[in-house]
Amino acid sequence: QFTLTDINFQRVPIVDTSNPFIARWIP
C-alpha cells in the first residue's frame, strides 16, 4: 500500500533498537 500513497511519514530512531523485544522504552 505504501507504494500507492501520496505521502509517507516514516519515523526513524537514532538510538539503538537492534533488539526491539527487550527495549524498555519507546524512542
mmCIF file of all heavy atoms, coordinates in Angstrom:
data_MODEL
# 
_entry.id   MODEL 
# 
loop_
_atom_site.group_PDB 
_atom_site.id 
_atom_site.type_symbol 
_atom_site.label_atom_id 
_atom_site.label_alt_id 
_atom_site.label_comp_id 
_atom_site.label_asym_id 
_atom_site.label_entity_id 
_atom_site.label_seq_id 
_atom_site.pdbx_PDB_ins_code 
_atom_site.Cartn_x 
_atom_site.Cartn_y 
_atom_site.Cartn_z 
_atom_site.occupancy 
_atom_site.B_iso_or_equiv 
_atom_site.pdbx_formal_charge 
_atom_site.auth_seq_id 
_atom_site.auth_comp_id 
_atom_site.auth_asym_id 
_atom_site.auth_atom_id 
_atom_site.pdbx_PDB_model_num 
ATOM 1   N N   . GLN A 1 1  ? 0.814  -1.214 0.000  1.00 0.00 ? 1  GLN A N   1 
ATOM 2   C CA  . GLN A 1 1  ? 0.000  0.000  0.000  1.00 0.00 ? 1  GLN A CA  1 
ATOM 3   C C   . GLN A 1 1  ? 0.851  1.269  0.000  1.00 0.00 ? 1  GLN A C   1 
ATOM 4   O O   . GLN A 1 1  ? 0.427  2.306  -0.523 1.00 0.00 ? 1  GLN A O   1 
ATOM 5   C CB  . GLN A 1 1  ? -0.918 0.018  1.219  1.00 0.00 ? 1  GLN A CB  1 
ATOM 6   C CG  . GLN A 1 1  ? -1.931 -1.120 1.248  1.00 0.00 ? 1  GLN A CG  1 
ATOM 7   C CD  . GLN A 1 1  ? -2.847 -1.032 2.443  1.00 0.00 ? 1  GLN A CD  1 
ATOM 8   O OE1 . GLN A 1 1  ? -3.721 -0.170 2.515  1.00 0.00 ? 1  GLN A OE1 1 
ATOM 9   N NE2 . GLN A 1 1  ? -2.643 -1.921 3.419  1.00 0.00 ? 1  GLN A NE2 1 
ATOM 10  N N   . PHE A 1 2  ? 2.064  1.175  0.546  1.00 0.00 ? 2  PHE A N   1 
ATOM 11  C CA  . PHE A 1 2  ? 2.872  2.377  0.704  1.00 0.00 ? 2  PHE A CA  1 
ATOM 12  C C   . PHE A 1 2  ? 3.529  2.829  -0.599 1.00 0.00 ? 2  PHE A C   1 
ATOM 13  O O   . PHE A 1 2  ? 4.123  3.903  -0.645 1.00 0.00 ? 2  PHE A O   1 
ATOM 14  C CB  . PHE A 1 2  ? 3.915  2.164  1.810  1.00 0.00 ? 2  PHE A CB  1 
ATOM 15  C CG  . PHE A 1 2  ? 3.295  1.817  3.133  1.00 0.00 ? 2  PHE A CG  1 
ATOM 16  C CD1 . PHE A 1 2  ? 3.660  0.664  3.808  1.00 0.00 ? 2  PHE A CD1 1 
ATOM 17  C CD2 . PHE A 1 2  ? 2.327  2.634  3.688  1.00 0.00 ? 2  PHE A CD2 1 
ATOM 18  C CE1 . PHE A 1 2  ? 3.070  0.321  5.016  1.00 0.00 ? 2  PHE A CE1 1 
ATOM 19  C CE2 . PHE A 1 2  ? 1.728  2.310  4.901  1.00 0.00 ? 2  PHE A CE2 1 
ATOM 20  C CZ  . PHE A 1 2  ? 2.106  1.151  5.565  1.00 0.00 ? 2  PHE A CZ  1 
ATOM 21  N N   . THR A 1 3  ? 3.404  2.012  -1.640 1.00 0.00 ? 3  THR A N   1 
ATOM 22  C CA  . THR A 1 3  ? 3.812  2.486  -2.967 1.00 0.00 ? 3  THR A CA  1 
ATOM 23  C C   . THR A 1 3  ? 2.678  3.253  -3.646 1.00 0.00 ? 3  THR A C   1 
ATOM 24  O O   . THR A 1 3  ? 2.900  3.887  -4.678 1.00 0.00 ? 3  THR A O   1 
ATOM 25  C CB  . THR A 1 3  ? 4.230  1.303  -3.868 1.00 0.00 ? 3  THR A CB  1 
ATOM 26  O OG1 . THR A 1 3  ? 3.105  0.446  -4.080 1.00 0.00 ? 3  THR A OG1 1 
ATOM 27  C CG2 . THR A 1 3  ? 5.362  0.520  -3.230 1.00 0.00 ? 3  THR A CG2 1 
ATOM 28  N N   . LEU A 1 4  ? 1.471  3.196  -3.082 1.00 0.00 ? 4  LEU A N   1 
ATOM 29  C CA  . LEU A 1 4  ? 0.299  3.837  -3.666 1.00 0.00 ? 4  LEU A CA  1 
ATOM 30  C C   . LEU A 1 4  ? -0.078 5.133  -2.949 1.00 0.00 ? 4  LEU A C   1 
ATOM 31  O O   . LEU A 1 4  ? -0.953 5.859  -3.428 1.00 0.00 ? 4  LEU A O   1 
ATOM 32  C CB  . LEU A 1 4  ? -0.902 2.878  -3.636 1.00 0.00 ? 4  LEU A CB  1 
ATOM 33  C CG  . LEU A 1 4  ? -0.693 1.524  -4.320 1.00 0.00 ? 4  LEU A CG  1 
ATOM 34  C CD1 . LEU A 1 4  ? -1.895 0.623  -4.089 1.00 0.00 ? 4  LEU A CD1 1 
ATOM 35  C CD2 . LEU A 1 4  ? -0.435 1.708  -5.808 1.00 0.00 ? 4  LEU A CD2 1 
ATOM 36  N N   . THR A 1 5  ? 0.565  5.409  -1.837 1.00 0.00 ? 5  THR A N   1 
ATOM 37  C CA  . THR A 1 5  ? 0.235  6.602  -1.063 1.00 0.00 ? 5  THR A CA  1 
ATOM 38  C C   . THR A 1 5  ? 0.808  7.853  -1.721 1.00 0.00 ? 5  THR A C   1 
ATOM 39  O O   . THR A 1 5  ? 1.796  7.800  -2.458 1.00 0.00 ? 5  THR A O   1 
ATOM 40  C CB  . THR A 1 5  ? 0.776  6.484  0.365  1.00 0.00 ? 5  THR A CB  1 
ATOM 41  O OG1 . THR A 1 5  ? 2.152  6.055  0.307  1.00 0.00 ? 5  THR A OG1 1 
ATOM 42  C CG2 . THR A 1 5  ? -0.011 5.483  1.175  1.00 0.00 ? 5  THR A CG2 1 
ATOM 43  N N   . ASP A 1 6  ? 0.186  9.002  -1.426 1.00 0.00 ? 6  ASP A N   1 
ATOM 44  C CA  . ASP A 1 6  ? 0.694  10.278 -1.918 1.00 0.00 ? 6  ASP A CA  1 
ATOM 45  C C   . ASP A 1 6  ? 1.880  10.763 -1.083 1.00 0.00 ? 6  ASP A C   1 
ATOM 46  O O   . ASP A 1 6  ? 2.831  11.340 -1.614 1.00 0.00 ? 6  ASP A O   1 
ATOM 47  C CB  . ASP A 1 6  ? -0.418 11.331 -1.887 1.00 0.00 ? 6  ASP A CB  1 
ATOM 48  C CG  . ASP A 1 6  ? -1.594 10.935 -2.760 1.00 0.00 ? 6  ASP A CG  1 
ATOM 49  O OD1 . ASP A 1 6  ? -1.366 10.668 -3.954 1.00 0.00 ? 6  ASP A OD1 1 
ATOM 50  O OD2 . ASP A 1 6  ? -2.729 10.882 -2.248 1.00 0.00 ? 6  ASP A OD2 1 
ATOM 51  N N   . ILE A 1 7  ? 1.807  10.538 0.230  1.00 0.00 ? 7  ILE A N   1 
ATOM 52  C CA  . ILE A 1 7  ? 2.871  10.954 1.145  1.00 0.00 ? 7  ILE A CA  1 
ATOM 53  C C   . ILE A 1 7  ? 3.069  9.858  2.181  1.00 0.00 ? 7  ILE A C   1 
ATOM 54  O O   . ILE A 1 7  ? 2.091  9.308  2.702  1.00 0.00 ? 7  ILE A O   1 
ATOM 55  C CB  . ILE A 1 7  ? 2.516  12.274 1.877  1.00 0.00 ? 7  ILE A CB  1 
ATOM 56  C CG1 . ILE A 1 7  ? 2.102  13.366 0.894  1.00 0.00 ? 7  ILE A CG1 1 
ATOM 57  C CG2 . ILE A 1 7  ? 3.692  12.753 2.729  1.00 0.00 ? 7  ILE A CG2 1 
ATOM 58  C CD1 . ILE A 1 7  ? 1.563  14.626 1.565  1.00 0.00 ? 7  ILE A CD1 1 
ATOM 59  N N   . ASN A 1 8  ? 4.323  9.517  2.462  1.00 0.00 ? 8  ASN A N   1 
ATOM 60  C CA  . ASN A 1 8  ? 4.648  8.613  3.561  1.00 0.00 ? 8  ASN A CA  1 
ATOM 61  C C   . ASN A 1 8  ? 5.407  9.372  4.642  1.00 0.00 ? 8  ASN A C   1 
ATOM 62  O O   . ASN A 1 8  ? 6.337  10.131 4.332  1.00 0.00 ? 8  ASN A O   1 
ATOM 63  C CB  . ASN A 1 8  ? 5.500  7.432  3.084  1.00 0.00 ? 8  ASN A CB  1 
ATOM 64  C CG  . ASN A 1 8  ? 4.691  6.402  2.324  1.00 0.00 ? 8  ASN A CG  1 
ATOM 65  O OD1 . ASN A 1 8  ? 3.488  6.268  2.500  1.00 0.00 ? 8  ASN A OD1 1 
ATOM 66  N ND2 . ASN A 1 8  ? 5.362  5.653  1.460  1.00 0.00 ? 8  ASN A ND2 1 
ATOM 67  N N   . PHE A 1 9  ? 5.005  9.135  5.885  1.00 0.00 ? 9  PHE A N   1 
ATOM 68  C CA  . PHE A 1 9  ? 5.717  9.666  7.038  1.00 0.00 ? 9  PHE A CA  1 
ATOM 69  C C   . PHE A 1 9  ? 6.370  8.481  7.750  1.00 0.00 ? 9  PHE A C   1 
ATOM 70  O O   . PHE A 1 9  ? 5.678  7.608  8.279  1.00 0.00 ? 9  PHE A O   1 
ATOM 71  C CB  . PHE A 1 9  ? 4.759  10.380 7.997  1.00 0.00 ? 9  PHE A CB  1 
ATOM 72  C CG  . PHE A 1 9  ? 4.190  11.660 7.439  1.00 0.00 ? 9  PHE A CG  1 
ATOM 73  C CD1 . PHE A 1 9  ? 3.047  11.654 6.660  1.00 0.00 ? 9  PHE A CD1 1 
ATOM 74  C CD2 . PHE A 1 9  ? 4.800  12.881 7.713  1.00 0.00 ? 9  PHE A CD2 1 
ATOM 75  C CE1 . PHE A 1 9  ? 2.520  12.825 6.146  1.00 0.00 ? 9  PHE A CE1 1 
ATOM 76  C CE2 . PHE A 1 9  ? 4.276  14.067 7.207  1.00 0.00 ? 9  PHE A CE2 1 
ATOM 77  C CZ  . PHE A 1 9  ? 3.133  14.035 6.421  1.00 0.00 ? 9  PHE A CZ  1 
ATOM 78  N N   . GLN A 1 10 ? 7.702  8.453  7.725  1.00 0.00 ? 10 GLN A N   1 
ATOM 79  C CA  . GLN A 1 10 ? 8.431  7.320  8.306  1.00 0.00 ? 10 GLN A CA  1 
ATOM 80  C C   . GLN A 1 10 ? 9.336  7.815  9.427  1.00 0.00 ? 10 GLN A C   1 
ATOM 81  O O   . GLN A 1 10 ? 10.287 8.569  9.187  1.00 0.00 ? 10 GLN A O   1 
ATOM 82  C CB  . GLN A 1 10 ? 9.256  6.590  7.248  1.00 0.00 ? 10 GLN A CB  1 
ATOM 83  C CG  . GLN A 1 10 ? 9.944  5.339  7.797  1.00 0.00 ? 10 GLN A CG  1 
ATOM 84  C CD  . GLN A 1 10 ? 10.592 4.523  6.708  1.00 0.00 ? 10 GLN A CD  1 
ATOM 85  O OE1 . GLN A 1 10 ? 11.323 5.047  5.887  1.00 0.00 ? 10 GLN A OE1 1 
ATOM 86  N NE2 . GLN A 1 10 ? 10.334 3.219  6.696  1.00 0.00 ? 10 GLN A NE2 1 
ATOM 87  N N   . ARG A 1 11 ? 9.031  7.367  10.673 1.00 0.00 ? 11 ARG A N   1 
ATOM 88  C CA  . ARG A 1 11 ? 9.867  7.764  11.809 1.00 0.00 ? 11 ARG A CA  1 
ATOM 89  C C   . ARG A 1 11 ? 11.034 6.785  11.947 1.00 0.00 ? 11 ARG A C   1 
ATOM 90  O O   . ARG A 1 11 ? 10.834 5.560  11.939 1.00 0.00 ? 11 ARG A O   1 
ATOM 91  C CB  . ARG A 1 11 ? 9.049  7.807  13.100 1.00 0.00 ? 11 ARG A CB  1 
ATOM 92  C CG  . ARG A 1 11 ? 9.823  8.438  14.267 1.00 0.00 ? 11 ARG A CG  1 
ATOM 93  C CD  . ARG A 1 11 ? 8.887  9.039  15.289 1.00 0.00 ? 11 ARG A CD  1 
ATOM 94  N NE  . ARG A 1 11 ? 8.250  8.065  16.142 1.00 0.00 ? 11 ARG A NE  1 
ATOM 95  C CZ  . ARG A 1 11 ? 8.712  7.704  17.341 1.00 0.00 ? 11 ARG A CZ  1 
ATOM 96  N NH1 . ARG A 1 11 ? 9.845  8.228  17.816 1.00 0.00 ? 11 ARG A NH1 1 
ATOM 97  N NH2 . ARG A 1 11 ? 8.061  6.829  18.074 1.00 0.00 ? 11 ARG A NH2 1 
ATOM 98  N N   . VAL A 1 12 ? 12.233 7.334  12.072 1.00 0.00 ? 12 VAL A N   1 
ATOM 99  C CA  . VAL A 1 12 ? 13.458 6.537  12.142 1.00 0.00 ? 12 VAL A CA  1 
ATOM 100 C C   . VAL A 1 12 ? 14.175 6.865  13.447 1.00 0.00 ? 12 VAL A C   1 
ATOM 101 O O   . VAL A 1 12 ? 14.594 8.007  13.659 1.00 0.00 ? 12 VAL A O   1 
ATOM 102 C CB  . VAL A 1 12 ? 14.385 6.851  10.947 1.00 0.00 ? 12 VAL A CB  1 
ATOM 103 C CG1 . VAL A 1 12 ? 15.635 5.994  11.008 1.00 0.00 ? 12 VAL A CG1 1 
ATOM 104 C CG2 . VAL A 1 12 ? 13.654 6.651  9.626  1.00 0.00 ? 12 VAL A CG2 1 
ATOM 105 N N   . PRO A 1 13 ? 14.329 5.906  14.364 1.00 0.00 ? 13 PRO A N   1 
ATOM 106 C CA  . PRO A 1 13 ? 15.029 6.196  15.614 1.00 0.00 ? 13 PRO A CA  1 
ATOM 107 C C   . PRO A 1 13 ? 16.522 6.396  15.379 1.00 0.00 ? 13 PRO A C   1 
ATOM 108 O O   . PRO A 1 13 ? 17.104 5.781  14.480 1.00 0.00 ? 13 PRO A O   1 
ATOM 109 C CB  . PRO A 1 13 ? 14.765 4.948  16.472 1.00 0.00 ? 13 PRO A CB  1 
ATOM 110 C CG  . PRO A 1 13 ? 14.485 3.866  15.492 1.00 0.00 ? 13 PRO A CG  1 
ATOM 111 C CD  . PRO A 1 13 ? 13.830 4.525  14.311 1.00 0.00 ? 13 PRO A CD  1 
ATOM 112 N N   . ILE A 1 14 ? 17.124 7.250  16.161 1.00 0.00 ? 14 ILE A N   1 
ATOM 113 C CA  . ILE A 1 14 ? 18.572 7.461  16.095 1.00 0.00 ? 14 ILE A CA  1 
ATOM 114 C C   . ILE A 1 14 ? 19.240 6.950  17.363 1.00 0.00 ? 14 ILE A C   1 
ATOM 115 O O   . ILE A 1 14 ? 20.324 7.395  17.743 1.00 0.00 ? 14 ILE A O   1 
ATOM 116 C CB  . ILE A 1 14 ? 18.904 8.942  15.835 1.00 0.00 ? 14 ILE A CB  1 
ATOM 117 C CG1 . ILE A 1 14 ? 18.222 9.845  16.846 1.00 0.00 ? 14 ILE A CG1 1 
ATOM 118 C CG2 . ILE A 1 14 ? 18.491 9.328  14.418 1.00 0.00 ? 14 ILE A CG2 1 
ATOM 119 C CD1 . ILE A 1 14 ? 18.614 11.308 16.728 1.00 0.00 ? 14 ILE A CD1 1 
ATOM 120 N N   . VAL A 1 15 ? 18.572 5.991  18.028 1.00 0.00 ? 15 VAL A N   1 
ATOM 121 C CA  . VAL A 1 15 ? 19.146 5.252  19.152 1.00 0.00 ? 15 VAL A CA  1 
ATOM 122 C C   . VAL A 1 15 ? 19.076 3.770  18.803 1.00 0.00 ? 15 VAL A C   1 
ATOM 123 O O   . VAL A 1 15 ? 18.409 3.377  17.833 1.00 0.00 ? 15 VAL A O   1 
ATOM 124 C CB  . VAL A 1 15 ? 18.395 5.539  20.470 1.00 0.00 ? 15 VAL A CB  1 
ATOM 125 C CG1 . VAL A 1 15 ? 18.584 6.991  20.883 1.00 0.00 ? 15 VAL A CG1 1 
ATOM 126 C CG2 . VAL A 1 15 ? 16.912 5.215  20.342 1.00 0.00 ? 15 VAL A CG2 1 
ATOM 127 N N   . ASP A 1 16 ? 19.744 2.953  19.579 1.00 0.00 ? 16 ASP A N   1 
ATOM 128 C CA  . ASP A 1 16 ? 19.820 1.521  19.286 1.00 0.00 ? 16 ASP A CA  1 
ATOM 129 C C   . ASP A 1 16 ? 18.472 0.844  19.512 1.00 0.00 ? 16 ASP A C   1 
ATOM 130 O O   . ASP A 1 16 ? 17.957 0.811  20.625 1.00 0.00 ? 16 ASP A O   1 
ATOM 131 C CB  . ASP A 1 16 ? 20.885 0.884  20.186 1.00 0.00 ? 16 ASP A CB  1 
ATOM 132 C CG  . ASP A 1 16 ? 21.066 -0.601 19.893 1.00 0.00 ? 16 ASP A CG  1 
ATOM 133 O OD1 . ASP A 1 16 ? 20.626 -1.042 18.822 1.00 0.00 ? 16 ASP A OD1 1 
ATOM 134 O OD2 . ASP A 1 16 ? 21.650 -1.301 20.740 1.00 0.00 ? 16 ASP A OD2 1 
ATOM 135 N N   . THR A 1 17 ? 17.914 0.288  18.449 1.00 0.00 ? 17 THR A N   1 
ATOM 136 C CA  . THR A 1 17 ? 16.679 -0.508 18.551 1.00 0.00 ? 17 THR A CA  1 
ATOM 137 C C   . THR A 1 17 ? 16.909 -1.899 17.965 1.00 0.00 ? 17 THR A C   1 
ATOM 138 O O   . THR A 1 17 ? 15.978 -2.519 17.449 1.00 0.00 ? 17 THR A O   1 
ATOM 139 C CB  . THR A 1 17 ? 15.524 0.184  17.799 1.00 0.00 ? 17 THR A CB  1 
ATOM 140 O OG1 . THR A 1 17 ? 15.882 0.330  16.419 1.00 0.00 ? 17 THR A OG1 1 
ATOM 141 C CG2 . THR A 1 17 ? 15.210 1.543  18.395 1.00 0.00 ? 17 THR A CG2 1 
ATOM 142 N N   . SER A 1 18 ? 18.141 -2.371 18.033 1.00 0.00 ? 18 SER A N   1 
ATOM 143 C CA  . SER A 1 18 ? 18.502 -3.615 17.344 1.00 0.00 ? 18 SER A CA  1 
ATOM 144 C C   . SER A 1 18 ? 17.752 -4.826 17.877 1.00 0.00 ? 18 SER A C   1 
ATOM 145 O O   . SER A 1 18 ? 17.519 -5.782 17.136 1.00 0.00 ? 18 SER A O   1 
ATOM 146 C CB  . SER A 1 18 ? 20.015 -3.844 17.437 1.00 0.00 ? 18 SER A CB  1 
ATOM 147 O OG  . SER A 1 18 ? 20.450 -3.767 18.776 1.00 0.00 ? 18 SER A OG  1 
ATOM 148 N N   . ASN A 1 19 ? 17.388 -4.820 19.162 1.00 0.00 ? 19 ASN A N   1 
ATOM 149 C CA  . ASN A 1 19 ? 16.552 -5.889 19.705 1.00 0.00 ? 19 ASN A CA  1 
ATOM 150 C C   . ASN A 1 19 ? 15.280 -5.264 20.270 1.00 0.00 ? 19 ASN A C   1 
ATOM 151 O O   . ASN A 1 19 ? 15.230 -4.877 21.431 1.00 0.00 ? 19 ASN A O   1 
ATOM 152 C CB  . ASN A 1 19 ? 17.283 -6.675 20.789 1.00 0.00 ? 19 ASN A CB  1 
ATOM 153 C CG  . ASN A 1 19 ? 16.469 -7.888 21.256 1.00 0.00 ? 19 ASN A CG  1 
ATOM 154 O OD1 . ASN A 1 19 ? 15.284 -8.006 20.943 1.00 0.00 ? 19 ASN A OD1 1 
ATOM 155 N ND2 . ASN A 1 19 ? 17.114 -8.778 21.997 1.00 0.00 ? 19 ASN A ND2 1 
ATOM 156 N N   . PRO A 1 20 ? 14.235 -5.155 19.450 1.00 0.00 ? 20 PRO A N   1 
ATOM 157 C CA  . PRO A 1 20 ? 13.028 -4.456 19.899 1.00 0.00 ? 20 PRO A CA  1 
ATOM 158 C C   . PRO A 1 20 ? 12.291 -5.174 21.022 1.00 0.00 ? 20 PRO A C   1 
ATOM 159 O O   . PRO A 1 20 ? 11.483 -4.557 21.718 1.00 0.00 ? 20 PRO A O   1 
ATOM 160 C CB  . PRO A 1 20 ? 12.170 -4.398 18.632 1.00 0.00 ? 20 PRO A CB  1 
ATOM 161 C CG  . PRO A 1 20 ? 12.639 -5.542 17.802 1.00 0.00 ? 20 PRO A CG  1 
ATOM 162 C CD  . PRO A 1 20 ? 14.106 -5.662 18.079 1.00 0.00 ? 20 PRO A CD  1 
ATOM 163 N N   . PHE A 1 21 ? 12.600 -6.448 21.220 1.00 0.00 ? 21 PHE A N   1 
ATOM 164 C CA  . PHE A 1 21 ? 11.844 -7.226 22.194 1.00 0.00 ? 21 PHE A CA  1 
ATOM 165 C C   . PHE A 1 21 ? 12.345 -7.054 23.625 1.00 0.00 ? 21 PHE A C   1 
ATOM 166 O O   . PHE A 1 21 ? 11.724 -7.554 24.563 1.00 0.00 ? 21 PHE A O   1 
ATOM 167 C CB  . PHE A 1 21 ? 11.855 -8.705 21.794 1.00 0.00 ? 21 PHE A CB  1 
ATOM 168 C CG  . PHE A 1 21 ? 11.310 -8.920 20.402 1.00 0.00 ? 21 PHE A CG  1 
ATOM 169 C CD1 . PHE A 1 21 ? 12.154 -9.265 19.364 1.00 0.00 ? 21 PHE A CD1 1 
ATOM 170 C CD2 . PHE A 1 21 ? 9.965  -8.739 20.137 1.00 0.00 ? 21 PHE A CD2 1 
ATOM 171 C CE1 . PHE A 1 21 ? 11.661 -9.446 18.083 1.00 0.00 ? 21 PHE A CE1 1 
ATOM 172 C CE2 . PHE A 1 21 ? 9.471  -8.911 18.852 1.00 0.00 ? 21 PHE A CE2 1 
ATOM 173 C CZ  . PHE A 1 21 ? 10.309 -9.271 17.824 1.00 0.00 ? 21 PHE A CZ  1 
ATOM 174 N N   . ILE A 1 22 ? 13.454 -6.357 23.783 1.00 0.00 ? 22 ILE A N   1 
ATOM 175 C CA  . ILE A 1 22 ? 13.927 -6.075 25.136 1.00 0.00 ? 22 ILE A CA  1 
ATOM 176 C C   . ILE A 1 22 ? 13.978 -4.578 25.417 1.00 0.00 ? 22 ILE A C   1 
ATOM 177 O O   . ILE A 1 22 ? 14.434 -4.164 26.485 1.00 0.00 ? 22 ILE A O   1 
ATOM 178 C CB  . ILE A 1 22 ? 15.325 -6.690 25.384 1.00 0.00 ? 22 ILE A CB  1 
ATOM 179 C CG1 . ILE A 1 22 ? 16.372 -6.039 24.469 1.00 0.00 ? 22 ILE A CG1 1 
ATOM 180 C CG2 . ILE A 1 22 ? 15.299 -8.208 25.210 1.00 0.00 ? 22 ILE A CG2 1 
ATOM 181 C CD1 . ILE A 1 22 ? 17.807 -6.381 24.852 1.00 0.00 ? 22 ILE A CD1 1 
ATOM 182 N N   . ALA A 1 23 ? 13.507 -3.769 24.485 1.00 0.00 ? 23 ALA A N   1 
ATOM 183 C CA  . ALA A 1 23 ? 13.561 -2.311 24.658 1.00 0.00 ? 23 ALA A CA  1 
ATOM 184 C C   . ALA A 1 23 ? 12.674 -1.898 25.826 1.00 0.00 ? 23 ALA A C   1 
ATOM 185 O O   . ALA A 1 23 ? 11.490 -2.249 25.886 1.00 0.00 ? 23 ALA A O   1 
ATOM 186 C CB  . ALA A 1 23 ? 13.115 -1.618 23.378 1.00 0.00 ? 23 ALA A CB  1 
ATOM 187 N N   . ARG A 1 24 ? 13.239 -1.142 26.753 1.00 0.00 ? 24 ARG A N   1 
ATOM 188 C CA  . ARG A 1 24 ? 12.489 -0.744 27.939 1.00 0.00 ? 24 ARG A CA  1 
ATOM 189 C C   . ARG A 1 24 ? 11.618 0.480  27.663 1.00 0.00 ? 24 ARG A C   1 
ATOM 190 O O   . ARG A 1 24 ? 10.626 0.703  28.351 1.00 0.00 ? 24 ARG A O   1 
ATOM 191 C CB  . ARG A 1 24 ? 13.449 -0.454 29.090 1.00 0.00 ? 24 ARG A CB  1 
ATOM 192 C CG  . ARG A 1 24 ? 14.248 -1.671 29.528 1.00 0.00 ? 24 ARG A CG  1 
ATOM 193 C CD  . ARG A 1 24 ? 15.235 -1.339 30.628 1.00 0.00 ? 24 ARG A CD  1 
ATOM 194 N NE  . ARG A 1 24 ? 14.566 -0.846 31.840 1.00 0.00 ? 24 ARG A NE  1 
ATOM 195 C CZ  . ARG A 1 24 ? 15.229 -0.388 32.903 1.00 0.00 ? 24 ARG A CZ  1 
ATOM 196 N NH1 . ARG A 1 24 ? 16.560 -0.321 32.877 1.00 0.00 ? 24 ARG A NH1 1 
ATOM 197 N NH2 . ARG A 1 24 ? 14.559 0.021  33.962 1.00 0.00 ? 24 ARG A NH2 1 
ATOM 198 N N   . TRP A 1 25 ? 12.012 1.291  26.672 1.00 0.00 ? 25 TRP A N   1 
ATOM 199 C CA  . TRP A 1 25 ? 11.256 2.496  26.364 1.00 0.00 ? 25 TRP A CA  1 
ATOM 200 C C   . TRP A 1 25 ? 11.100 2.623  24.852 1.00 0.00 ? 25 TRP A C   1 
ATOM 201 O O   . TRP A 1 25 ? 11.943 2.162  24.078 1.00 0.00 ? 25 TRP A O   1 
ATOM 202 C CB  . TRP A 1 25 ? 11.982 3.744  26.883 1.00 0.00 ? 25 TRP A CB  1 
ATOM 203 C CG  . TRP A 1 25 ? 12.183 3.750  28.365 1.00 0.00 ? 25 TRP A CG  1 
ATOM 204 C CD1 . TRP A 1 25 ? 11.244 4.019  29.328 1.00 0.00 ? 25 TRP A CD1 1 
ATOM 205 C CD2 . TRP A 1 25 ? 13.397 3.458  29.069 1.00 0.00 ? 25 TRP A CD2 1 
ATOM 206 N NE1 . TRP A 1 25 ? 11.797 3.914  30.584 1.00 0.00 ? 25 TRP A NE1 1 
ATOM 207 C CE2 . TRP A 1 25 ? 13.116 3.569  30.461 1.00 0.00 ? 25 TRP A CE2 1 
ATOM 208 C CE3 . TRP A 1 25 ? 14.691 3.098  28.666 1.00 0.00 ? 25 TRP A CE3 1 
ATOM 209 C CZ2 . TRP A 1 25 ? 14.077 3.354  31.440 1.00 0.00 ? 25 TRP A CZ2 1 
ATOM 210 C CZ3 . TRP A 1 25 ? 15.646 2.874  29.626 1.00 0.00 ? 25 TRP A CZ3 1 
ATOM 211 C CH2 . TRP A 1 25 ? 15.344 3.004  30.988 1.00 0.00 ? 25 TRP A CH2 1 
ATOM 212 N N   . ILE A 1 26 ? 10.037 3.285  24.464 1.00 0.00 ? 26 ILE A N   1 
ATOM 213 C CA  . ILE A 1 26 ? 9.870  3.667  23.056 1.00 0.00 ? 26 ILE A CA  1 
ATOM 214 C C   . ILE A 1 26 ? 10.763 4.874  22.792 1.00 0.00 ? 26 ILE A C   1 
ATOM 215 O O   . ILE A 1 26 ? 10.741 5.842  23.565 1.00 0.00 ? 26 ILE A O   1 
ATOM 216 C CB  . ILE A 1 26 ? 8.408  4.039  22.767 1.00 0.00 ? 26 ILE A CB  1 
ATOM 217 C CG1 . ILE A 1 26 ? 7.484  2.849  23.038 1.00 0.00 ? 26 ILE A CG1 1 
ATOM 218 C CG2 . ILE A 1 26 ? 8.252  4.506  21.319 1.00 0.00 ? 26 ILE A CG2 1 
ATOM 219 C CD1 . ILE A 1 26 ? 6.007  3.190  22.927 1.00 0.00 ? 26 ILE A CD1 1 
ATOM 220 N N   . PRO A 1 27 ? 11.578 4.862  21.745 1.00 0.00 ? 27 PRO A N   1 
ATOM 221 C CA  . PRO A 1 27 ? 12.367 6.054  21.422 1.00 0.00 ? 27 PRO A CA  1 
ATOM 222 C C   . PRO A 1 27 ? 11.479 7.288  21.326 1.00 0.00 ? 27 PRO A C   1 
ATOM 223 O O   . PRO A 1 27 ? 10.401 7.250  20.715 1.00 0.00 ? 27 PRO A O   1 
ATOM 224 C CB  . PRO A 1 27 ? 12.998 5.703  20.067 1.00 0.00 ? 27 PRO A CB  1 
ATOM 225 C CG  . PRO A 1 27 ? 13.074 4.212  20.071 1.00 0.00 ? 27 PRO A CG  1 
ATOM 226 C CD  . PRO A 1 27 ? 11.858 3.751  20.806 1.00 0.00 ? 27 PRO A CD  1 
# 
